[in-house]
Amino acid sequence: MGQLAEHFVNHPMLAAGLVALLAAVVFFEIRQRTQGQLQVGPADAVRLINGGAVVIDVRGAEDFRKGHIVNARNVEIGQIDAENPTLKKQKNKVLITVCDNGIVSNRAAALLRKAGFEKVFSLKGGLNGWRAENLPLVK
C-alpha cells in the first residue's frame, strides 16, 4: 500500500487522471440507473403492452398516421398534462410513452410522473428501436 501511495505522489498527473476516470465512471453509472428506471426496451414494452399497458405516442398527428404501435393513443408532447381527457382515464394503468428516438418520450414520461402518474415508462430508442427489433407498426 505504501508503494501505491508513493507512486501517486511521484506521478500526480497519472493520479489525477485516475481520479477523473473514476469520477466519470461513477457519474455515468448513476445517470444510467436513473434513466433506466424510466425506460423500457422494446421486448419489455411488448410484455407490458400484452399485460394491459397503454402506449402514448407523443409525436405529431401526421407522423402518427404514417405508422404507430397497435392501439397507441396519440397525445402530442404539448398536450401532456394530468387534465388531458385521454390521459386522465389511464391514471392507474401502466403508460409507455413513444416518439421517434426516445428523447421526447423521455421528457413526456417525466412530465407525466410530475403530474402524478406513477407507472410511466419511455420506450428506449423510440420507434427506431422498435423497428430495429422488427416489431410491427400499423398505419
N, C-alpha and C. Protein backbone atom coordinates (compact mmCIF):
# COMPACT_ATOMS: atom_id res chain seq x y z
N MET A 1 0.82 -1.18 0.00
CA MET A 1 0.00 0.00 0.00
C MET A 1 0.87 1.25 0.00
N GLY A 2 1.98 1.18 0.71
CA GLY A 2 2.90 2.31 0.77
C GLY A 2 3.50 2.62 -0.60
N GLN A 3 3.76 1.58 -1.39
CA GLN A 3 4.31 1.79 -2.72
C GLN A 3 3.30 2.47 -3.64
N LEU A 4 2.02 2.14 -3.48
CA LEU A 4 0.98 2.76 -4.28
C LEU A 4 0.88 4.25 -3.95
N ALA A 5 0.92 4.58 -2.68
CA ALA A 5 0.87 5.99 -2.27
C ALA A 5 2.09 6.74 -2.79
N GLU A 6 3.26 6.11 -2.71
CA GLU A 6 4.48 6.74 -3.22
C GLU A 6 4.40 6.95 -4.73
N HIS A 7 3.80 5.99 -5.44
CA HIS A 7 3.64 6.11 -6.90
C HIS A 7 2.74 7.30 -7.25
N PHE A 8 1.64 7.46 -6.50
CA PHE A 8 0.74 8.59 -6.75
C PHE A 8 1.42 9.92 -6.44
N VAL A 9 2.25 9.95 -5.42
CA VAL A 9 2.97 11.18 -5.08
C VAL A 9 3.98 11.52 -6.17
N ASN A 10 4.64 10.51 -6.71
CA ASN A 10 5.65 10.72 -7.74
C ASN A 10 5.03 11.01 -9.12
N HIS A 11 3.78 10.64 -9.33
CA HIS A 11 3.12 10.83 -10.62
C HIS A 11 1.75 11.48 -10.42
N PRO A 12 1.73 12.76 -10.08
CA PRO A 12 0.45 13.44 -9.76
C PRO A 12 -0.50 13.51 -10.96
N MET A 13 0.01 13.66 -12.17
CA MET A 13 -0.87 13.73 -13.33
C MET A 13 -1.57 12.38 -13.56
N LEU A 14 -0.85 11.31 -13.38
CA LEU A 14 -1.44 9.98 -13.52
C LEU A 14 -2.50 9.75 -12.45
N ALA A 15 -2.22 10.18 -11.24
CA ALA A 15 -3.18 10.04 -10.15
C ALA A 15 -4.43 10.88 -10.42
N ALA A 16 -4.23 12.11 -10.91
CA ALA A 16 -5.37 12.97 -11.22
C ALA A 16 -6.21 12.36 -12.35
N GLY A 17 -5.57 11.79 -13.33
CA GLY A 17 -6.28 11.14 -14.43
C GLY A 17 -7.10 9.96 -13.94
N LEU A 18 -6.54 9.18 -13.02
CA LEU A 18 -7.26 8.04 -12.46
C LEU A 18 -8.48 8.49 -11.66
N VAL A 19 -8.32 9.54 -10.86
CA VAL A 19 -9.44 10.07 -10.08
C VAL A 19 -10.53 10.60 -11.02
N ALA A 20 -10.14 11.31 -12.08
CA ALA A 20 -11.11 11.84 -13.04
C ALA A 20 -11.84 10.69 -13.74
N LEU A 21 -11.12 9.66 -14.10
CA LEU A 21 -11.72 8.50 -14.75
C LEU A 21 -12.73 7.81 -13.83
N LEU A 22 -12.37 7.63 -12.58
CA LEU A 22 -13.28 7.01 -11.62
C LEU A 22 -14.53 7.87 -11.42
N ALA A 23 -14.35 9.19 -11.35
CA ALA A 23 -15.50 10.09 -11.20
C ALA A 23 -16.42 10.00 -12.41
N ALA A 24 -15.84 9.93 -13.61
CA ALA A 24 -16.64 9.81 -14.82
C ALA A 24 -17.43 8.51 -14.84
N VAL A 25 -16.81 7.42 -14.44
CA VAL A 25 -17.49 6.12 -14.40
C VAL A 25 -18.65 6.16 -13.40
N VAL A 26 -18.42 6.72 -12.23
CA VAL A 26 -19.47 6.81 -11.22
C VAL A 26 -20.62 7.67 -11.74
N PHE A 27 -20.30 8.82 -12.33
CA PHE A 27 -21.32 9.71 -12.87
C PHE A 27 -22.14 8.99 -13.94
N PHE A 28 -21.48 8.30 -14.86
CA PHE A 28 -22.16 7.58 -15.93
C PHE A 28 -23.07 6.49 -15.37
N GLU A 29 -22.59 5.74 -14.41
CA GLU A 29 -23.40 4.66 -13.82
C GLU A 29 -24.63 5.22 -13.11
N ILE A 30 -24.48 6.30 -12.38
CA ILE A 30 -25.62 6.90 -11.69
C ILE A 30 -26.63 7.41 -12.71
N ARG A 31 -26.15 8.05 -13.74
CA ARG A 31 -27.05 8.55 -14.78
C ARG A 31 -27.80 7.41 -15.48
N GLN A 32 -27.10 6.34 -15.78
CA GLN A 32 -27.73 5.19 -16.43
C GLN A 32 -28.81 4.57 -15.55
N ARG A 33 -28.53 4.47 -14.26
CA ARG A 33 -29.50 3.85 -13.36
C ARG A 33 -30.74 4.71 -13.21
N THR A 34 -30.58 6.02 -13.14
CA THR A 34 -31.76 6.88 -13.00
C THR A 34 -32.56 6.89 -14.30
N GLN A 35 -31.93 6.88 -15.44
CA GLN A 35 -32.65 6.83 -16.71
C GLN A 35 -33.26 5.46 -16.93
N GLY A 36 -32.59 4.43 -16.49
CA GLY A 36 -33.08 3.08 -16.68
C GLY A 36 -34.41 2.83 -15.98
N GLN A 37 -34.68 3.57 -14.91
CA GLN A 37 -35.93 3.40 -14.19
C GLN A 37 -37.10 3.95 -15.00
N LEU A 38 -36.83 4.85 -15.93
CA LEU A 38 -37.88 5.45 -16.72
C LEU A 38 -38.01 4.84 -18.11
N GLN A 39 -37.08 3.98 -18.48
CA GLN A 39 -37.08 3.44 -19.84
C GLN A 39 -37.27 1.94 -19.85
N VAL A 40 -37.94 1.47 -20.89
CA VAL A 40 -38.05 0.03 -21.13
C VAL A 40 -37.65 -0.23 -22.57
N GLY A 41 -37.01 -1.34 -22.80
CA GLY A 41 -36.64 -1.73 -24.16
C GLY A 41 -37.86 -2.28 -24.89
N PRO A 42 -37.73 -2.48 -26.19
CA PRO A 42 -38.85 -2.99 -26.98
C PRO A 42 -39.42 -4.32 -26.48
N ALA A 43 -38.57 -5.25 -26.08
CA ALA A 43 -39.06 -6.56 -25.62
C ALA A 43 -39.87 -6.41 -24.33
N ASP A 44 -39.37 -5.60 -23.40
CA ASP A 44 -40.11 -5.36 -22.15
C ASP A 44 -41.40 -4.60 -22.43
N ALA A 45 -41.36 -3.69 -23.40
CA ALA A 45 -42.57 -2.94 -23.76
C ALA A 45 -43.65 -3.87 -24.29
N VAL A 46 -43.26 -4.85 -25.09
CA VAL A 46 -44.23 -5.82 -25.62
C VAL A 46 -44.88 -6.58 -24.46
N ARG A 47 -44.07 -7.00 -23.48
CA ARG A 47 -44.62 -7.71 -22.32
C ARG A 47 -45.59 -6.81 -21.54
N LEU A 48 -45.23 -5.54 -21.37
CA LEU A 48 -46.11 -4.62 -20.65
C LEU A 48 -47.41 -4.38 -21.43
N ILE A 49 -47.28 -4.21 -22.74
CA ILE A 49 -48.46 -3.99 -23.59
C ILE A 49 -49.39 -5.20 -23.53
N ASN A 50 -48.82 -6.39 -23.60
CA ASN A 50 -49.62 -7.61 -23.50
C ASN A 50 -50.30 -7.73 -22.14
N GLY A 51 -49.71 -7.09 -21.14
CA GLY A 51 -50.28 -7.10 -19.79
C GLY A 51 -51.25 -5.95 -19.55
N GLY A 52 -51.54 -5.15 -20.57
CA GLY A 52 -52.53 -4.09 -20.43
C GLY A 52 -51.99 -2.67 -20.41
N ALA A 53 -50.70 -2.49 -20.63
CA ALA A 53 -50.14 -1.14 -20.66
C ALA A 53 -50.70 -0.36 -21.84
N VAL A 54 -50.78 0.95 -21.67
CA VAL A 54 -51.30 1.84 -22.71
C VAL A 54 -50.13 2.59 -23.33
N VAL A 55 -50.07 2.59 -24.66
CA VAL A 55 -49.00 3.28 -25.37
C VAL A 55 -49.48 4.69 -25.71
N ILE A 56 -48.69 5.69 -25.31
CA ILE A 56 -48.98 7.08 -25.61
C ILE A 56 -47.92 7.57 -26.59
N ASP A 57 -48.33 7.79 -27.83
CA ASP A 57 -47.43 8.26 -28.88
C ASP A 57 -47.43 9.79 -28.85
N VAL A 58 -46.29 10.39 -28.55
CA VAL A 58 -46.21 11.85 -28.36
C VAL A 58 -45.78 12.60 -29.61
N ARG A 59 -45.73 11.91 -30.75
CA ARG A 59 -45.36 12.57 -32.00
C ARG A 59 -46.56 13.34 -32.54
N GLY A 60 -46.33 14.10 -33.57
CA GLY A 60 -47.39 14.84 -34.23
C GLY A 60 -48.38 13.90 -34.91
N ALA A 61 -49.57 14.43 -35.20
CA ALA A 61 -50.64 13.61 -35.80
C ALA A 61 -50.22 13.03 -37.15
N GLU A 62 -49.50 13.80 -37.95
CA GLU A 62 -49.08 13.32 -39.28
C GLU A 62 -48.12 12.14 -39.15
N ASP A 63 -47.14 12.26 -38.26
CA ASP A 63 -46.21 11.14 -38.03
C ASP A 63 -46.94 9.93 -37.48
N PHE A 64 -47.90 10.17 -36.60
CA PHE A 64 -48.69 9.09 -36.01
C PHE A 64 -49.43 8.31 -37.10
N ARG A 65 -50.02 9.05 -38.07
CA ARG A 65 -50.76 8.40 -39.16
C ARG A 65 -49.85 7.58 -40.06
N LYS A 66 -48.58 7.95 -40.16
CA LYS A 66 -47.65 7.22 -41.02
C LYS A 66 -47.30 5.85 -40.44
N GLY A 67 -47.47 5.67 -39.15
CA GLY A 67 -47.19 4.38 -38.53
C GLY A 67 -47.05 4.52 -37.03
N HIS A 68 -47.70 3.62 -36.28
CA HIS A 68 -47.64 3.65 -34.83
C HIS A 68 -47.83 2.24 -34.28
N ILE A 69 -47.57 2.07 -33.00
CA ILE A 69 -47.74 0.80 -32.33
C ILE A 69 -49.25 0.52 -32.22
N VAL A 70 -49.64 -0.72 -32.35
CA VAL A 70 -51.04 -1.12 -32.29
C VAL A 70 -51.70 -0.58 -31.01
N ASN A 71 -52.89 0.00 -31.17
CA ASN A 71 -53.70 0.54 -30.08
C ASN A 71 -53.08 1.74 -29.36
N ALA A 72 -52.03 2.35 -29.95
CA ALA A 72 -51.43 3.53 -29.34
C ALA A 72 -52.40 4.70 -29.43
N ARG A 73 -52.30 5.58 -28.45
CA ARG A 73 -53.10 6.80 -28.45
C ARG A 73 -52.17 7.97 -28.75
N ASN A 74 -52.60 8.86 -29.60
CA ASN A 74 -51.77 10.00 -29.99
C ASN A 74 -52.09 11.20 -29.10
N VAL A 75 -51.11 11.56 -28.24
CA VAL A 75 -51.20 12.75 -27.40
C VAL A 75 -49.88 13.48 -27.60
N GLU A 76 -49.91 14.58 -28.34
CA GLU A 76 -48.68 15.30 -28.63
C GLU A 76 -48.06 15.84 -27.35
N ILE A 77 -46.75 16.02 -27.38
CA ILE A 77 -45.99 16.43 -26.19
C ILE A 77 -46.55 17.70 -25.56
N GLY A 78 -47.04 18.62 -26.36
CA GLY A 78 -47.60 19.86 -25.83
C GLY A 78 -48.92 19.68 -25.10
N GLN A 79 -49.55 18.53 -25.27
CA GLN A 79 -50.84 18.24 -24.63
C GLN A 79 -50.71 17.34 -23.40
N ILE A 80 -49.47 17.08 -22.99
CA ILE A 80 -49.24 16.19 -21.85
C ILE A 80 -49.50 16.96 -20.56
N ASP A 81 -50.58 16.59 -19.88
CA ASP A 81 -50.85 17.09 -18.53
C ASP A 81 -51.90 16.20 -17.88
N ALA A 82 -52.06 16.35 -16.58
CA ALA A 82 -52.96 15.48 -15.82
C ALA A 82 -54.42 15.67 -16.20
N GLU A 83 -54.76 16.82 -16.80
CA GLU A 83 -56.16 17.11 -17.14
C GLU A 83 -56.54 16.66 -18.55
N ASN A 84 -55.60 16.16 -19.32
CA ASN A 84 -55.91 15.68 -20.66
C ASN A 84 -56.88 14.51 -20.55
N PRO A 85 -58.04 14.58 -21.24
CA PRO A 85 -59.06 13.53 -21.09
C PRO A 85 -58.56 12.13 -21.47
N THR A 86 -57.71 12.05 -22.48
CA THR A 86 -57.18 10.74 -22.89
C THR A 86 -56.31 10.15 -21.79
N LEU A 87 -55.51 11.01 -21.15
CA LEU A 87 -54.60 10.54 -20.11
C LEU A 87 -55.30 10.34 -18.77
N LYS A 88 -56.27 11.19 -18.48
CA LYS A 88 -56.96 11.14 -17.20
C LYS A 88 -57.58 9.76 -16.95
N LYS A 89 -58.10 9.14 -18.01
CA LYS A 89 -58.72 7.82 -17.91
C LYS A 89 -57.70 6.73 -17.61
N GLN A 90 -56.43 7.01 -17.89
CA GLN A 90 -55.38 5.98 -17.77
C GLN A 90 -54.53 6.15 -16.52
N LYS A 91 -54.96 6.95 -15.57
CA LYS A 91 -54.14 7.32 -14.41
C LYS A 91 -53.59 6.11 -13.65
N ASN A 92 -54.35 5.04 -13.53
CA ASN A 92 -53.92 3.88 -12.74
C ASN A 92 -53.31 2.76 -13.58
N LYS A 93 -53.14 3.01 -14.87
CA LYS A 93 -52.56 1.98 -15.75
C LYS A 93 -51.08 2.27 -15.99
N VAL A 94 -50.39 1.27 -16.48
CA VAL A 94 -49.01 1.44 -16.90
C VAL A 94 -49.04 2.16 -18.25
N LEU A 95 -48.27 3.24 -18.36
CA LEU A 95 -48.18 4.01 -19.60
C LEU A 95 -46.79 3.88 -20.19
N ILE A 96 -46.72 3.76 -21.50
CA ILE A 96 -45.44 3.75 -22.21
C ILE A 96 -45.48 4.87 -23.23
N THR A 97 -44.62 5.87 -23.04
CA THR A 97 -44.56 6.98 -23.99
C THR A 97 -43.60 6.62 -25.12
N VAL A 98 -43.96 7.08 -26.33
CA VAL A 98 -43.20 6.72 -27.53
C VAL A 98 -43.02 7.95 -28.41
N CYS A 99 -41.83 8.08 -28.99
CA CYS A 99 -41.57 9.09 -30.03
C CYS A 99 -40.68 8.40 -31.07
N ASP A 100 -40.03 9.19 -31.90
CA ASP A 100 -39.17 8.58 -32.92
C ASP A 100 -37.90 7.95 -32.36
N ASN A 101 -37.23 8.66 -31.43
CA ASN A 101 -35.93 8.18 -30.97
C ASN A 101 -35.80 8.02 -29.46
N GLY A 102 -36.84 8.34 -28.71
CA GLY A 102 -36.81 8.16 -27.26
C GLY A 102 -36.50 9.41 -26.47
N ILE A 103 -36.10 10.48 -27.13
CA ILE A 103 -35.73 11.71 -26.42
C ILE A 103 -36.98 12.46 -25.94
N VAL A 104 -37.90 12.71 -26.85
CA VAL A 104 -39.12 13.44 -26.49
C VAL A 104 -39.98 12.59 -25.56
N SER A 105 -40.03 11.29 -25.79
CA SER A 105 -40.84 10.43 -24.93
C SER A 105 -40.27 10.36 -23.51
N ASN A 106 -38.96 10.49 -23.34
CA ASN A 106 -38.36 10.59 -22.00
C ASN A 106 -38.89 11.82 -21.29
N ARG A 107 -38.93 12.93 -22.00
CA ARG A 107 -39.44 14.18 -21.43
C ARG A 107 -40.92 14.03 -21.09
N ALA A 108 -41.69 13.39 -21.97
CA ALA A 108 -43.11 13.17 -21.72
C ALA A 108 -43.32 12.29 -20.49
N ALA A 109 -42.52 11.25 -20.35
CA ALA A 109 -42.63 10.37 -19.18
C ALA A 109 -42.34 11.15 -17.90
N ALA A 110 -41.33 12.01 -17.95
CA ALA A 110 -41.01 12.83 -16.77
C ALA A 110 -42.15 13.79 -16.44
N LEU A 111 -42.76 14.38 -17.46
CA LEU A 111 -43.90 15.28 -17.24
C LEU A 111 -45.08 14.53 -16.62
N LEU A 112 -45.34 13.34 -17.10
CA LEU A 112 -46.44 12.55 -16.56
C LEU A 112 -46.19 12.14 -15.11
N ARG A 113 -44.97 11.77 -14.82
CA ARG A 113 -44.64 11.43 -13.43
C ARG A 113 -44.81 12.64 -12.52
N LYS A 114 -44.39 13.78 -13.02
CA LYS A 114 -44.55 15.01 -12.25
C LYS A 114 -46.03 15.35 -12.05
N ALA A 115 -46.87 14.97 -13.00
CA ALA A 115 -48.31 15.23 -12.93
C ALA A 115 -49.05 14.21 -12.07
N GLY A 116 -48.32 13.25 -11.51
CA GLY A 116 -48.94 12.29 -10.60
C GLY A 116 -49.15 10.89 -11.14
N PHE A 117 -48.76 10.64 -12.38
CA PHE A 117 -48.85 9.30 -12.94
C PHE A 117 -47.65 8.51 -12.42
N GLU A 118 -47.91 7.38 -11.80
CA GLU A 118 -46.84 6.65 -11.12
C GLU A 118 -46.16 5.61 -12.00
N LYS A 119 -46.89 4.99 -12.89
CA LYS A 119 -46.36 3.87 -13.67
C LYS A 119 -46.17 4.31 -15.12
N VAL A 120 -45.14 5.12 -15.35
CA VAL A 120 -44.89 5.66 -16.69
C VAL A 120 -43.47 5.30 -17.11
N PHE A 121 -43.34 4.81 -18.32
CA PHE A 121 -42.04 4.47 -18.88
C PHE A 121 -41.94 5.04 -20.29
N SER A 122 -40.72 5.23 -20.72
CA SER A 122 -40.45 5.68 -22.08
C SER A 122 -39.85 4.50 -22.85
N LEU A 123 -40.23 4.37 -24.11
CA LEU A 123 -39.68 3.31 -24.94
C LEU A 123 -38.25 3.68 -25.33
N LYS A 124 -37.31 2.90 -24.86
CA LYS A 124 -35.90 3.16 -25.12
C LYS A 124 -35.62 3.05 -26.62
N GLY A 125 -35.08 4.10 -27.20
CA GLY A 125 -34.79 4.12 -28.64
C GLY A 125 -35.99 4.51 -29.48
N GLY A 126 -37.14 4.69 -28.84
CA GLY A 126 -38.34 5.11 -29.56
C GLY A 126 -38.75 4.12 -30.64
N LEU A 127 -39.45 4.63 -31.64
CA LEU A 127 -39.90 3.76 -32.73
C LEU A 127 -38.73 3.26 -33.57
N ASN A 128 -37.62 3.99 -33.56
CA ASN A 128 -36.43 3.49 -34.26
C ASN A 128 -35.96 2.18 -33.62
N GLY A 129 -35.94 2.13 -32.30
CA GLY A 129 -35.58 0.90 -31.59
C GLY A 129 -36.61 -0.20 -31.80
N TRP A 130 -37.87 0.20 -31.85
CA TRP A 130 -38.97 -0.74 -32.10
C TRP A 130 -38.80 -1.40 -33.47
N ARG A 131 -38.53 -0.56 -34.48
CA ARG A 131 -38.33 -1.08 -35.84
C ARG A 131 -37.08 -1.95 -35.92
N ALA A 132 -36.03 -1.58 -35.19
CA ALA A 132 -34.79 -2.36 -35.20
C ALA A 132 -35.02 -3.78 -34.70
N GLU A 133 -36.02 -3.96 -33.85
CA GLU A 133 -36.37 -5.29 -33.34
C GLU A 133 -37.38 -6.00 -34.24
N ASN A 134 -37.68 -5.38 -35.39
CA ASN A 134 -38.64 -5.92 -36.37
C ASN A 134 -40.03 -6.12 -35.77
N LEU A 135 -40.42 -5.20 -34.91
CA LEU A 135 -41.76 -5.26 -34.32
C LEU A 135 -42.74 -4.49 -35.19
N PRO A 136 -44.01 -4.88 -35.20
CA PRO A 136 -44.96 -4.31 -36.16
C PRO A 136 -45.46 -2.91 -35.80
N LEU A 137 -45.78 -2.17 -36.86
CA LEU A 137 -46.45 -0.87 -36.74
C LEU A 137 -47.71 -0.95 -37.60
N VAL A 138 -48.71 -0.17 -37.22
CA VAL A 138 -49.92 -0.10 -38.05
C VAL A 138 -50.04 1.30 -38.60
N LYS A 139 -50.72 1.40 -39.73
CA LYS A 139 -50.90 2.71 -40.39
C LYS A 139 -52.36 3.06 -40.43
